[in-house]
Amino acid sequence: MSHATGHRAAVIADLVQGLEVYFAEHRECGGLTGDIVEKTVDGVRWGVAGMRCPECGVRWERRLAVDAES
């Protein structure tokens, strides 16, 4: 596994772990949504995890650079 691939996997794992914490607190909420996506902004790749719970008004988002050089 290359350093870049290993870094990307670590970033995604970190985002999943953070999302799981919030999900556990809101798992009974019927309108709970969440996702993890990769997007490029100004030439930098980011992993973005987000969760939204309209029932209790919670919004959570976390961004981590995916690029191993960042």
Protein backbone atom coordinates (compact mmCIF):
# COMPACT_ATOMS: atom_id res chain seq x y z
CA MET A 1 0.00 0.00 0.00
CA SER A 2 1.43 3.39 -0.95
CA HIS A 3 1.77 6.21 1.57
CA ALA A 4 -0.98 8.18 -0.21
CA THR A 5 -3.36 5.21 -0.18
CA GLY A 6 -2.61 4.55 3.49
CA HIS A 7 -3.23 8.21 4.35
CA ARG A 8 -6.53 8.22 2.43
CA ALA A 9 -7.68 5.08 4.27
CA ALA A 10 -6.74 6.65 7.62
CA VAL A 11 -8.67 9.83 6.79
CA ILE A 12 -11.78 7.87 5.79
CA ALA A 13 -11.53 5.70 8.94
CA ASP A 14 -11.22 8.83 11.10
CA LEU A 15 -14.30 10.37 9.46
CA VAL A 16 -16.32 7.16 9.88
CA GLN A 17 -15.36 6.95 13.55
CA GLY A 18 -16.43 10.56 14.16
CA LEU A 19 -19.72 10.03 12.34
CA GLU A 20 -20.43 6.89 14.39
CA VAL A 21 -20.27 8.85 17.65
CA TYR A 22 -22.96 11.30 16.53
CA PHE A 23 -25.01 8.55 14.93
CA ALA A 24 -25.09 6.61 18.20
CA GLU A 25 -26.49 9.66 20.01
CA HIS A 26 -29.26 10.16 17.42
CA ARG A 27 -30.01 6.65 16.17
CA GLU A 28 -33.64 6.88 17.35
CA CYS A 29 -34.28 10.04 15.30
CA GLY A 30 -36.45 9.17 12.28
CA GLY A 31 -35.07 11.84 9.94
CA LEU A 32 -31.37 11.20 10.57
CA THR A 33 -29.18 11.41 7.46
CA GLY A 34 -25.44 11.19 7.06
CA ASP A 35 -22.76 10.76 4.45
CA ILE A 36 -19.07 10.73 3.75
CA VAL A 37 -17.89 12.15 0.44
CA GLU A 38 -14.65 13.16 -1.19
CA LYS A 39 -14.53 16.53 -2.91
CA THR A 40 -11.90 18.76 -4.44
CA VAL A 41 -11.77 22.44 -3.50
CA ASP A 42 -9.11 24.69 -5.05
CA GLY A 43 -7.12 21.64 -6.12
CA VAL A 44 -7.09 20.02 -2.66
CA ARG A 45 -8.98 16.77 -2.04
CA TRP A 46 -11.03 16.64 1.14
CA GLY A 47 -12.93 13.90 2.90
CA VAL A 48 -16.12 15.37 4.30
CA ALA A 49 -18.39 13.61 6.80
CA GLY A 50 -21.73 15.09 7.66
CA MET A 51 -24.83 14.25 9.62
CA ARG A 52 -28.11 16.05 9.98
CA CYS A 53 -30.95 15.44 12.39
CA PRO A 54 -33.93 17.69 11.62
CA GLU A 55 -35.88 16.40 14.64
CA CYS A 56 -33.46 17.85 17.17
CA GLY A 57 -31.70 20.42 14.96
CA VAL A 58 -28.23 18.88 15.13
CA ARG A 59 -25.87 19.41 12.19
CA TRP A 60 -22.37 18.01 12.26
CA GLU A 61 -19.64 18.24 9.65
CA ARG A 62 -15.95 17.43 9.66
CA ARG A 63 -13.39 17.88 6.90
CA LEU A 64 -9.96 16.31 6.61
CA ALA A 65 -7.44 16.73 3.80
CA VAL A 66 -7.11 13.50 1.81
CA ASP A 67 -3.95 14.54 -0.02
CA ALA A 68 -1.01 12.91 1.77
CA GLU A 69 1.05 16.05 1.20
CA SER A 70 -1.45 18.25 3.08
